């Protein structure tokens, strides 16, 4: 498992995909099922959070570009 502070979106998504495959295989040990589902829940929330943050950053950049273009038009 990756260090949570350095977990990238790509790593989180890959781990989530592995967990989903394990769950779909129906061969997962029942003793670790809850742990896997909790981890999958965390990873889903983490990925959504990262996507929202990136979306906000991109929107800010686009807004800055638009404002700079408006200044150039004067």
C-alpha atoms as a PDB file:
ATOM      1  CA  UNK A   1       0.000   0.000   0.000  1.00  0.00           C
ATOM      2  CA  UNK A   2       1.286   3.429  -0.936  1.00  0.00           C
ATOM      3  CA  UNK A   3       2.044   6.098   1.595  1.00  0.00           C
ATOM      4  CA  UNK A   4      -1.213   8.079   1.834  1.00  0.00           C
ATOM      5  CA  UNK A   5       0.527  11.450   1.571  1.00  0.00           C
ATOM      6  CA  UNK A   6       2.174  10.526  -1.719  1.00  0.00           C
ATOM      7  CA  UNK A   7      -0.718   8.554  -3.210  1.00  0.00           C
ATOM      8  CA  UNK A   8      -1.336   9.775  -6.733  1.00  0.00           C
ATOM      9  CA  UNK A   9      -4.655   9.663  -8.528  1.00  0.00           C
ATOM     10  CA  UNK A  10      -3.264   7.033 -10.901  1.00  0.00           C
ATOM     11  CA  UNK A  11      -2.058   4.836  -8.032  1.00  0.00           C
ATOM     12  CA  UNK A  12      -5.367   5.178  -6.193  1.00  0.00           C
ATOM     13  CA  UNK A  13      -7.343   4.301  -9.304  1.00  0.00           C
ATOM     14  CA  UNK A  14      -5.128   1.284 -10.038  1.00  0.00           C
ATOM     15  CA  UNK A  15      -5.539   0.020  -6.469  1.00  0.00           C
ATOM     16  CA  UNK A  16      -9.285   0.547  -6.668  1.00  0.00           C
ATOM     17  CA  UNK A  17      -9.412  -1.444  -9.912  1.00  0.00           C
ATOM     18  CA  UNK A  18      -7.464  -4.295  -8.274  1.00  0.00           C
ATOM     19  CA  UNK A  19      -9.895  -4.361  -5.356  1.00  0.00           C
ATOM     20  CA  UNK A  20     -12.870  -4.390  -7.719  1.00  0.00           C
ATOM     21  CA  UNK A  21     -11.388  -7.356  -9.598  1.00  0.00           C
ATOM     22  CA  UNK A  22     -10.864  -9.189  -6.301  1.00  0.00           C
ATOM     23  CA  UNK A  23     -14.452  -8.524  -5.273  1.00  0.00           C
ATOM     24  CA  UNK A  24     -15.809  -9.573  -8.662  1.00  0.00           C
ATOM     25  CA  UNK A  25     -13.847 -12.810  -8.588  1.00  0.00           C
ATOM     26  CA  UNK A  26     -15.879 -13.881  -5.559  1.00  0.00           C
ATOM     27  CA  UNK A  27     -12.772 -15.650  -4.270  1.00  0.00           C
ATOM     28  CA  UNK A  28     -11.968 -13.013  -1.687  1.00  0.00           C
ATOM     29  CA  UNK A  29     -11.496 -14.201   1.873  1.00  0.00           C
ATOM     30  CA  UNK A  30     -14.558 -13.239   3.875  1.00  0.00           C
ATOM     31  CA  UNK A  31     -12.319 -12.185   6.765  1.00  0.00           C
ATOM     32  CA  UNK A  32     -10.846  -9.339   4.718  1.00  0.00           C
ATOM     33  CA  UNK A  33     -13.971  -8.410   2.757  1.00  0.00           C
ATOM     34  CA  UNK A  34     -14.887  -5.518   5.055  1.00  0.00           C
ATOM     35  CA  UNK A  35     -11.329  -4.191   4.935  1.00  0.00           C
ATOM     36  CA  UNK A  36     -11.339  -4.265   1.125  1.00  0.00           C
ATOM     37  CA  UNK A  37     -14.733  -2.542   0.881  1.00  0.00           C
ATOM     38  CA  UNK A  38     -13.622   0.183   3.328  1.00  0.00           C
ATOM     39  CA  UNK A  39     -10.423   0.705   1.334  1.00  0.00           C
ATOM     40  CA  UNK A  40     -12.405   0.886  -1.904  1.00  0.00           C
ATOM     41  CA  UNK A  41     -14.707   3.480  -0.334  1.00  0.00           C
ATOM     42  CA  UNK A  42     -11.697   5.544   0.758  1.00  0.00           C
ATOM     43  CA  UNK A  43     -10.107   5.310  -2.686  1.00  0.00           C
ATOM     44  CA  UNK A  44     -13.342   6.369  -4.422  1.00  0.00           C
ATOM     45  CA  UNK A  45     -13.617   9.412  -2.172  1.00  0.00           C
ATOM     46  CA  UNK A  46      -9.921  10.195  -2.637  1.00  0.00           C
ATOM     47  CA  UNK A  47     -10.178  10.021  -6.431  1.00  0.00           C
ATOM     48  CA  UNK A  48     -13.304  12.206  -6.473  1.00  0.00           C
ATOM     49  CA  UNK A  49     -11.584  14.733  -4.237  1.00  0.00           C
ATOM     50  CA  UNK A  50      -8.511  14.835  -6.498  1.00  0.00           C
ATOM     51  CA  UNK A  51     -10.682  15.255  -9.590  1.00  0.00           C
ATOM     52  CA  UNK A  52     -12.608  18.119  -7.991  1.00  0.00           C
ATOM     53  CA  UNK A  53      -9.362  19.814  -6.957  1.00  0.00           C
ATOM     54  CA  UNK A  54      -7.928  19.457 -10.452  1.00  0.00           C
ATOM     55  CA  UNK A  55     -11.157  20.751 -11.986  1.00  0.00           C
ATOM     56  CA  UNK A  56     -11.015  23.818  -9.723  1.00  0.00           C
ATOM     57  CA  UNK A  57      -7.376  24.440 -10.663  1.00  0.00           C
ATOM     58  CA  UNK A  58      -8.105  24.136 -14.385  1.00  0.00           C
ATOM     59  CA  UNK A  59     -11.073  26.499 -14.095  1.00  0.00           C
ATOM     60  CA  UNK A  60      -8.876  29.020 -12.294  1.00  0.00           C
ATOM     61  CA  UNK A  61      -6.254  28.791 -15.029  1.00  0.00           C
ATOM     62  CA  UNK A  62      -8.881  29.215 -17.752  1.00  0.00           C
ATOM     63  CA  UNK A  63     -10.316  32.225 -15.927  1.00  0.00           C
ATOM     64  CA  UNK A  64      -6.827  33.758 -15.690  1.00  0.00           C
ATOM     65  CA  UNK A  65      -6.268  33.181 -19.420  1.00  0.00           C
ATOM     66  CA  UNK A  66      -9.629  34.750 -20.248  1.00  0.00           C
ATOM     67  CA  UNK A  67      -8.820  37.784 -18.116  1.00  0.00           C
ATOM     68  CA  UNK A  68      -5.422  38.169 -19.762  1.00  0.00           C
ATOM     69  CA  UNK A  69      -7.031  37.990 -23.205  1.00  0.00           C
ATOM     70  CA  UNK A  70      -9.564  40.638 -22.198  1.00  0.00           C
ATOM     71  CA  UNK A  71      -6.682  42.936 -21.185  1.00  0.00           C
ATOM     72  CA  UNK A  72      -4.982  42.305 -24.542  1.00  0.00           C
ATOM     73  CA  UNK A  73      -8.183  43.299 -26.357  1.00  0.00           C
ATOM     74  CA  UNK A  74      -8.004  46.836 -24.930  1.00  0.00           C
END
